[in-house]
Amino acid sequence: MFSINIKSHFLLAKAFLPSMKESAFGRFITAASVQSLLGASGSSAYVASKHAALGLMKTLAAEYGQFGITAKSER
């Protein structure tokens, strides 16, 4: 679950951030779900991975916004 929902996002960001920063433009958009904001019984791994994806997008936006790079999570 984490490999798909968060590790893949992290590795893509790591790969593309240098060129985005150099060109002073970039967009990261990730598909989340309502579970990125809430919890649900019986789906702890999924919910945790969606919380992590949302946190990663918020952090990328905060750290790289000054370079013209935006990041957001769509629910």
PDB file of N, CA and C in Angstrom:
ATOM      1  N   MET A   1       0.820  -1.179   0.000  1.00  0.00           N
ATOM      2  CA  MET A   1       0.000   0.000   0.000  1.00  0.00           C
ATOM      3  C   MET A   1       0.876   1.258   0.000  1.00  0.00           C
ATOM      4  N   PHE A   2       1.886   1.284   0.853  1.00  0.00           N
ATOM      5  CA  PHE A   2       2.747   2.468   0.926  1.00  0.00           C
ATOM      6  C   PHE A   2       3.594   2.628  -0.336  1.00  0.00           C
ATOM      7  N   SER A   3       4.013   1.531  -0.946  1.00  0.00           N
ATOM      8  CA  SER A   3       4.804   1.640  -2.173  1.00  0.00           C
ATOM      9  C   SER A   3       4.018   2.322  -3.277  1.00  0.00           C
ATOM     10  N   ILE A   4       2.754   2.011  -3.380  1.00  0.00           N
ATOM     11  CA  ILE A   4       1.919   2.610  -4.420  1.00  0.00           C
ATOM     12  C   ILE A   4       1.499   4.026  -4.048  1.00  0.00           C
ATOM     13  N   ASN A   5       1.010   4.201  -2.838  1.00  0.00           N
ATOM     14  CA  ASN A   5       0.386   5.471  -2.469  1.00  0.00           C
ATOM     15  C   ASN A   5       1.333   6.553  -1.979  1.00  0.00           C
ATOM     16  N   ILE A   6       2.541   6.212  -1.578  1.00  0.00           N
ATOM     17  CA  ILE A   6       3.436   7.267  -1.104  1.00  0.00           C
ATOM     18  C   ILE A   6       4.848   7.145  -1.661  1.00  0.00           C
ATOM     19  N   LYS A   7       5.427   5.969  -1.657  1.00  0.00           N
ATOM     20  CA  LYS A   7       6.806   5.835  -2.142  1.00  0.00           C
ATOM     21  C   LYS A   7       6.917   6.255  -3.604  1.00  0.00           C
ATOM     22  N   SER A   8       5.949   5.888  -4.417  1.00  0.00           N
ATOM     23  CA  SER A   8       5.975   6.282  -5.824  1.00  0.00           C
ATOM     24  C   SER A   8       5.926   7.795  -5.981  1.00  0.00           C
ATOM     25  N   HIS A   9       5.116   8.474  -5.165  1.00  0.00           N
ATOM     26  CA  HIS A   9       5.026   9.941  -5.220  1.00  0.00           C
ATOM     27  C   HIS A   9       6.366  10.572  -4.822  1.00  0.00           C
ATOM     28  N   PHE A  10       6.947  10.033  -3.765  1.00  0.00           N
ATOM     29  CA  PHE A  10       8.227  10.549  -3.280  1.00  0.00           C
ATOM     30  C   PHE A  10       9.317  10.393  -4.340  1.00  0.00           C
ATOM     31  N   LEU A  11       9.397   9.214  -4.956  1.00  0.00           N
ATOM     32  CA  LEU A  11      10.441   8.977  -5.960  1.00  0.00           C
ATOM     33  C   LEU A  11      10.240   9.828  -7.210  1.00  0.00           C
ATOM     34  N   LEU A  12       9.000  10.037  -7.626  1.00  0.00           N
ATOM     35  CA  LEU A  12       8.739  10.919  -8.772  1.00  0.00           C
ATOM     36  C   LEU A  12       9.130  12.357  -8.455  1.00  0.00           C
ATOM     37  N   ALA A  13       8.793  12.816  -7.264  1.00  0.00           N
ATOM     38  CA  ALA A  13       9.176  14.175  -6.866  1.00  0.00           C
ATOM     39  C   ALA A  13      10.692  14.311  -6.851  1.00  0.00           C
ATOM     40  N   LYS A  14      11.354  13.333  -6.286  1.00  0.00           N
ATOM     41  CA  LYS A  14      12.821  13.352  -6.217  1.00  0.00           C
ATOM     42  C   LYS A  14      13.440  13.412  -7.617  1.00  0.00           C
ATOM     43  N   ALA A  15      12.847  12.699  -8.559  1.00  0.00           N
ATOM     44  CA  ALA A  15      13.375  12.672  -9.925  1.00  0.00           C
ATOM     45  C   ALA A  15      13.120  13.976 -10.683  1.00  0.00           C
ATOM     46  N   PHE A  16      11.949  14.581 -10.483  1.00  0.00           N
ATOM     47  CA  PHE A  16      11.572  15.743 -11.298  1.00  0.00           C
ATOM     48  C   PHE A  16      11.852  17.096 -10.663  1.00  0.00           C
ATOM     49  N   LEU A  17      12.031  17.158  -9.357  1.00  0.00           N
ATOM     50  CA  LEU A  17      12.249  18.445  -8.707  1.00  0.00           C
ATOM     51  C   LEU A  17      13.448  19.226  -9.240  1.00  0.00           C
ATOM     52  N   PRO A  18      14.589  18.598  -9.503  1.00  0.00           N
ATOM     53  CA  PRO A  18      15.722  19.392 -10.012  1.00  0.00           C
ATOM     54  C   PRO A  18      15.403  20.140 -11.314  1.00  0.00           C
ATOM     55  N   SER A  19      14.769  19.474 -12.271  1.00  0.00           N
ATOM     56  CA  SER A  19      14.470  20.159 -13.533  1.00  0.00           C
ATOM     57  C   SER A  19      13.346  21.173 -13.373  1.00  0.00           C
ATOM     58  N   MET A  20      12.390  20.893 -12.506  1.00  0.00           N
ATOM     59  CA  MET A  20      11.322  21.857 -12.240  1.00  0.00           C
ATOM     60  C   MET A  20      11.894  23.112 -11.587  1.00  0.00           C
ATOM     61  N   LYS A  21      12.777  22.912 -10.641  1.00  0.00           N
ATOM     62  CA  LYS A  21      13.391  24.037  -9.947  1.00  0.00           C
ATOM     63  C   LYS A  21      14.226  24.867 -10.924  1.00  0.00           C
ATOM     64  N   GLU A  22      14.935  24.197 -11.805  1.00  0.00           N
ATOM     65  CA  GLU A  22      15.764  24.898 -12.797  1.00  0.00           C
ATOM     66  C   GLU A  22      14.920  25.729 -13.749  1.00  0.00           C
ATOM     67  N   SER A  23      13.757  25.201 -14.147  1.00  0.00           N
ATOM     68  CA  SER A  23      12.899  25.942 -15.075  1.00  0.00           C
ATOM     69  C   SER A  23      11.919  26.869 -14.353  1.00  0.00           C
ATOM     70  N   ALA A  24      11.952  26.866 -13.033  1.00  0.00           N
ATOM     71  CA  ALA A  24      11.089  27.721 -12.207  1.00  0.00           C
ATOM     72  C   ALA A  24       9.611  27.481 -12.484  1.00  0.00           C
ATOM     73  N   PHE A  25       9.262  26.218 -12.729  1.00  0.00           N
ATOM     74  CA  PHE A  25       7.870  25.858 -12.984  1.00  0.00           C
ATOM     75  C   PHE A  25       7.679  24.364 -12.766  1.00  0.00           C
ATOM     76  N   GLY A  26       6.569  24.012 -12.179  1.00  0.00           N
ATOM     77  CA  GLY A  26       6.241  22.603 -12.031  1.00  0.00           C
ATOM     78  C   GLY A  26       4.936  22.418 -11.297  1.00  0.00           C
ATOM     79  N   ARG A  27       4.288  21.293 -11.557  1.00  0.00           N
ATOM     80  CA  ARG A  27       3.017  20.968 -10.923  1.00  0.00           C
ATOM     81  C   ARG A  27       3.030  19.514 -10.483  1.00  0.00           C
ATOM     82  N   PHE A  28       2.737  19.291  -9.224  1.00  0.00           N
ATOM     83  CA  PHE A  28       2.526  17.949  -8.698  1.00  0.00           C
ATOM     84  C   PHE A  28       1.067  17.856  -8.289  1.00  0.00           C
ATOM     85  N   ILE A  29       0.373  16.861  -8.796  1.00  0.00           N
ATOM     86  CA  ILE A  29      -1.013  16.621  -8.415  1.00  0.00           C
ATOM     87  C   ILE A  29      -1.131  15.136  -8.092  1.00  0.00           C
ATOM     88  N   THR A  30      -1.664  14.835  -6.949  1.00  0.00           N
ATOM     89  CA  THR A  30      -1.846  13.449  -6.554  1.00  0.00           C
ATOM     90  C   THR A  30      -3.314  13.181  -6.284  1.00  0.00           C
ATOM     91  N   ALA A  31      -3.731  11.977  -6.567  1.00  0.00           N
ATOM     92  CA  ALA A  31      -5.113  11.579  -6.306  1.00  0.00           C
ATOM     93  C   ALA A  31      -5.207  11.032  -4.893  1.00  0.00           C
ATOM     94  N   ALA A  32      -5.976  11.701  -4.093  1.00  0.00           N
ATOM     95  CA  ALA A  32      -6.211  11.234  -2.734  1.00  0.00           C
ATOM     96  C   ALA A  32      -7.655  10.753  -2.658  1.00  0.00           C
ATOM     97  N   SER A  33      -8.139  10.615  -1.493  1.00  0.00           N
ATOM     98  CA  SER A  33      -9.546  10.276  -1.303  1.00  0.00           C
ATOM     99  C   SER A  33     -10.007  10.956  -0.030  1.00  0.00           C
ATOM    100  N   VAL A  34     -11.251  10.802   0.284  1.00  0.00           N
ATOM    101  CA  VAL A  34     -11.756  11.373   1.519  1.00  0.00           C
ATOM    102  C   VAL A  34     -10.987  10.777   2.700  1.00  0.00           C
ATOM    103  N   GLN A  35     -10.398   9.613   2.509  1.00  0.00           N
ATOM    104  CA  GLN A  35      -9.626   8.973   3.569  1.00  0.00           C
ATOM    105  C   GLN A  35      -8.332   9.717   3.877  1.00  0.00           C
ATOM    106  N   SER A  36      -7.929  10.658   3.024  1.00  0.00           N
ATOM    107  CA  SER A  36      -6.753  11.466   3.349  1.00  0.00           C
ATOM    108  C   SER A  36      -7.070  12.476   4.446  1.00  0.00           C
ATOM    109  N   LEU A  37      -8.345  12.645   4.749  1.00  0.00           N
ATOM    110  CA  LEU A  37      -8.772  13.565   5.808  1.00  0.00           C
ATOM    111  C   LEU A  37      -9.432  12.860   6.989  1.00  0.00           C
ATOM    112  N   LEU A  38      -9.971  11.692   6.748  1.00  0.00           N
ATOM    113  CA  LEU A  38     -10.715  10.963   7.771  1.00  0.00           C
ATOM    114  C   LEU A  38     -10.044   9.629   8.072  1.00  0.00           C
ATOM    115  N   GLY A  39     -10.584   8.919   8.980  1.00  0.00           N
ATOM    116  CA  GLY A  39     -10.155   7.559   9.261  1.00  0.00           C
ATOM    117  C   GLY A  39     -11.288   6.606   8.959  1.00  0.00           C
ATOM    118  N   ALA A  40     -10.985   5.327   8.836  1.00  0.00           N
ATOM    119  CA  ALA A  40     -12.019   4.329   8.581  1.00  0.00           C
ATOM    120  C   ALA A  40     -11.616   3.011   9.216  1.00  0.00           C
ATOM    121  N   SER A  41     -12.542   2.378   9.811  1.00  0.00           N
ATOM    122  CA  SER A  41     -12.294   1.091  10.456  1.00  0.00           C
ATOM    123  C   SER A  41     -11.896   0.045   9.423  1.00  0.00           C
ATOM    124  N   GLY A  42     -10.872  -0.716   9.751  1.00  0.00           N
ATOM    125  CA  GLY A  42     -10.467  -1.816   8.885  1.00  0.00           C
ATOM    126  C   GLY A  42      -9.602  -1.437   7.697  1.00  0.00           C
ATOM    127  N   SER A  43      -9.157  -0.208   7.627  1.00  0.00           N
ATOM    128  CA  SER A  43      -8.337   0.186   6.481  1.00  0.00           C
ATOM    129  C   SER A  43      -7.162   1.064   6.906  1.00  0.00           C
ATOM    130  N   SER A  44      -6.488   0.656   7.961  1.00  0.00           N
ATOM    131  CA  SER A  44      -5.427   1.493   8.525  1.00  0.00           C
ATOM    132  C   SER A  44      -4.273   1.741   7.558  1.00  0.00           C
ATOM    133  N   ALA A  45      -3.840   0.743   6.812  1.00  0.00           N
ATOM    134  CA  ALA A  45      -2.724   0.942   5.880  1.00  0.00           C
ATOM    135  C   ALA A  45      -3.108   1.925   4.775  1.00  0.00           C
ATOM    136  N   TYR A  46      -4.299   1.777   4.237  1.00  0.00           N
ATOM    137  CA  TYR A  46      -4.761   2.675   3.178  1.00  0.00           C
ATOM    138  C   TYR A  46      -4.881   4.104   3.699  1.00  0.00           C
ATOM    139  N   VAL A  47      -5.534   4.270   4.840  1.00  0.00           N
ATOM    140  CA  VAL A  47      -5.731   5.598   5.415  1.00  0.00           C
ATOM    141  C   VAL A  47      -4.392   6.252   5.746  1.00  0.00           C
ATOM    142  N   ALA A  48      -3.485   5.492   6.336  1.00  0.00           N
ATOM    143  CA  ALA A  48      -2.165   6.043   6.676  1.00  0.00           C
ATOM    144  C   ALA A  48      -1.414   6.476   5.423  1.00  0.00           C
ATOM    145  N   SER A  49      -1.494   5.688   4.359  1.00  0.00           N
ATOM    146  CA  SER A  49      -0.788   6.049   3.128  1.00  0.00           C
ATOM    147  C   SER A  49      -1.393   7.288   2.479  1.00  0.00           C
ATOM    148  N   LYS A  50      -2.708   7.452   2.572  1.00  0.00           N
ATOM    149  CA  LYS A  50      -3.348   8.645   2.013  1.00  0.00           C
ATOM    150  C   LYS A  50      -3.034   9.884   2.852  1.00  0.00           C
ATOM    151  N   HIS A  51      -2.962   9.741   4.168  1.00  0.00           N
ATOM    152  CA  HIS A  51      -2.521  10.846   5.022  1.00  0.00           C
ATOM    153  C   HIS A  51      -1.092  11.244   4.637  1.00  0.00           C
ATOM    154  N   ALA A  52      -0.241  10.259   4.414  1.00  0.00           N
ATOM    155  CA  ALA A  52       1.152  10.530   4.055  1.00  0.00           C
ATOM    156  C   ALA A  52       1.239  11.254   2.708  1.00  0.00           C
ATOM    157  N   ALA A  53       0.442  10.844   1.737  1.00  0.00           N
ATOM    158  CA  ALA A  53       0.450  11.499   0.421  1.00  0.00           C
ATOM    159  C   ALA A  53       0.013  12.953   0.537  1.00  0.00           C
ATOM    160  N   LEU A  54      -1.008  13.194   1.326  1.00  0.00           N
ATOM    161  CA  LEU A  54      -1.468  14.571   1.540  1.00  0.00           C
ATOM    162  C   LEU A  54      -0.385  15.400   2.225  1.00  0.00           C
ATOM    163  N   GLY A  55       0.262  14.824   3.228  1.00  0.00           N
ATOM    164  CA  GLY A  55       1.349  15.517   3.914  1.00  0.00           C
ATOM    165  C   GLY A  55       2.524  15.814   2.997  1.00  0.00           C
ATOM    166  N   LEU A  56       2.854  14.874   2.130  1.00  0.00           N
ATOM    167  CA  LEU A  56       3.950  15.088   1.182  1.00  0.00           C
ATOM    168  C   LEU A  56       3.620  16.249   0.247  1.00  0.00           C
ATOM    169  N   MET A  57       2.410  16.297  -0.273  1.00  0.00           N
ATOM    170  CA  MET A  57       2.032  17.380  -1.184  1.00  0.00           C
ATOM    171  C   MET A  57       2.067  18.734  -0.477  1.00  0.00           C
ATOM    172  N   LYS A  58       1.585  18.789   0.757  1.00  0.00           N
ATOM    173  CA  LYS A  58       1.618  20.044   1.515  1.00  0.00           C
ATOM    174  C   LYS A  58       3.058  20.488   1.760  1.00  0.00           C
ATOM    175  N   THR A  59       3.922  19.537   2.057  1.00  0.00           N
ATOM    176  CA  THR A  59       5.326  19.860   2.312  1.00  0.00           C
ATOM    177  C   THR A  59       6.032  20.317   1.041  1.00  0.00           C
ATOM    178  N   LEU A  60       5.781  19.626  -0.072  1.00  0.00           N
ATOM    179  CA  LEU A  60       6.376  20.060  -1.349  1.00  0.00           C
ATOM    180  C   LEU A  60       5.926  21.472  -1.699  1.00  0.00           C
ATOM    181  N   ALA A  61       4.648  21.762  -1.487  1.00  0.00           N
ATOM    182  CA  ALA A  61       4.135  23.109  -1.775  1.00  0.00           C
ATOM    183  C   ALA A  61       4.834  24.153  -0.917  1.00  0.00           C
ATOM    184  N   ALA A  62       5.011  23.846   0.362  1.00  0.00           N
ATOM    185  CA  ALA A  62       5.661  24.798   1.268  1.00  0.00           C
ATOM    186  C   ALA A  62       7.137  24.990   0.943  1.00  0.00           C
ATOM    187  N   GLU A  63       7.823  23.916   0.606  1.00  0.00           N
ATOM    188  CA  GLU A  63       9.269  23.987   0.376  1.00  0.00           C
ATOM    189  C   GLU A  63       9.638  24.514  -1.010  1.00  0.00           C
ATOM    190  N   TYR A  64       8.799  24.250  -2.013  1.00  0.00           N
ATOM    191  CA  TYR A  64       9.186  24.590  -3.380  1.00  0.00           C
ATOM    192  C   TYR A  64       8.303  25.639  -4.042  1.00  0.00           C
ATOM    193  N   GLY A  65       7.327  26.162  -3.327  1.00  0.00           N
ATOM    194  CA  GLY A  65       6.484  27.217  -3.881  1.00  0.00           C
ATOM    195  C   GLY A  65       7.271  28.434  -4.315  1.00  0.00           C
ATOM    196  N   GLN A  66       8.319  28.739  -3.588  1.00  0.00           N
ATOM    197  CA  GLN A  66       9.160  29.899  -3.932  1.00  0.00           C
ATOM    198  C   GLN A  66       9.867  29.736  -5.279  1.00  0.00           C
ATOM    199  N   PHE A  67       9.901  28.516  -5.799  1.00  0.00           N
ATOM    200  CA  PHE A  67      10.530  28.238  -7.094  1.00  0.00           C
ATOM    201  C   PHE A  67       9.501  28.069  -8.215  1.00  0.00           C
ATOM    202  N   GLY A  68       8.246  28.442  -7.955  1.00  0.00           N
ATOM    203  CA  GLY A  68       7.213  28.338  -8.969  1.00  0.00           C
ATOM    204  C   GLY A  68       6.636  26.940  -9.131  1.00  0.00           C
ATOM    205  N   ILE A  69       6.846  26.095  -8.143  1.00  0.00           N
ATOM    206  CA  ILE A  69       6.373  24.719  -8.181  1.00  0.00           C
ATOM    207  C   ILE A  69       5.186  24.601  -7.232  1.00  0.00           C
ATOM    208  N   THR A  70       4.086  24.066  -7.724  1.00  0.00           N
ATOM    209  CA  THR A  70       2.917  23.863  -6.883  1.00  0.00           C
ATOM    210  C   THR A  70       2.693  22.364  -6.682  1.00  0.00           C
ATOM    211  N   ALA A  71       2.039  22.049  -5.593  1.00  0.00           N
ATOM    212  CA  ALA A  71       1.713  20.657  -5.291  1.00  0.00           C
ATOM    213  C   ALA A  71       0.382  20.623  -4.575  1.00  0.00           C
ATOM    214  N   LYS A  72      -0.495  19.724  -5.005  1.00  0.00           N
ATOM    215  CA  LYS A  72      -1.786  19.608  -4.346  1.00  0.00           C
ATOM    216  C   LYS A  72      -2.325  18.200  -4.482  1.00  0.00           C
ATOM    217  N   SER A  73      -3.239  17.905  -3.618  1.00  0.00           N
ATOM    218  CA  SER A  73      -3.865  16.588  -3.597  1.00  0.00           C
ATOM    219  C   SER A  73      -5.342  16.773  -3.877  1.00  0.00           C
ATOM    220  N   GLU A  74      -5.848  16.104  -4.898  1.00  0.00           N
ATOM    221  CA  GLU A  74      -7.264  16.187  -5.256  1.00  0.00           C
ATOM    222  C   GLU A  74      -8.022  15.031  -4.633  1.00  0.00           C
ATOM    223  N   ARG A  75      -9.144  15.307  -4.054  1.00  0.00           N
ATOM    224  CA  ARG A  75      -9.977  14.258  -3.454  1.00  0.00           C
ATOM    225  C   ARG A  75     -11.146  13.969  -4.331  1.00  0.00           C
TER     226      ARG A  75
END
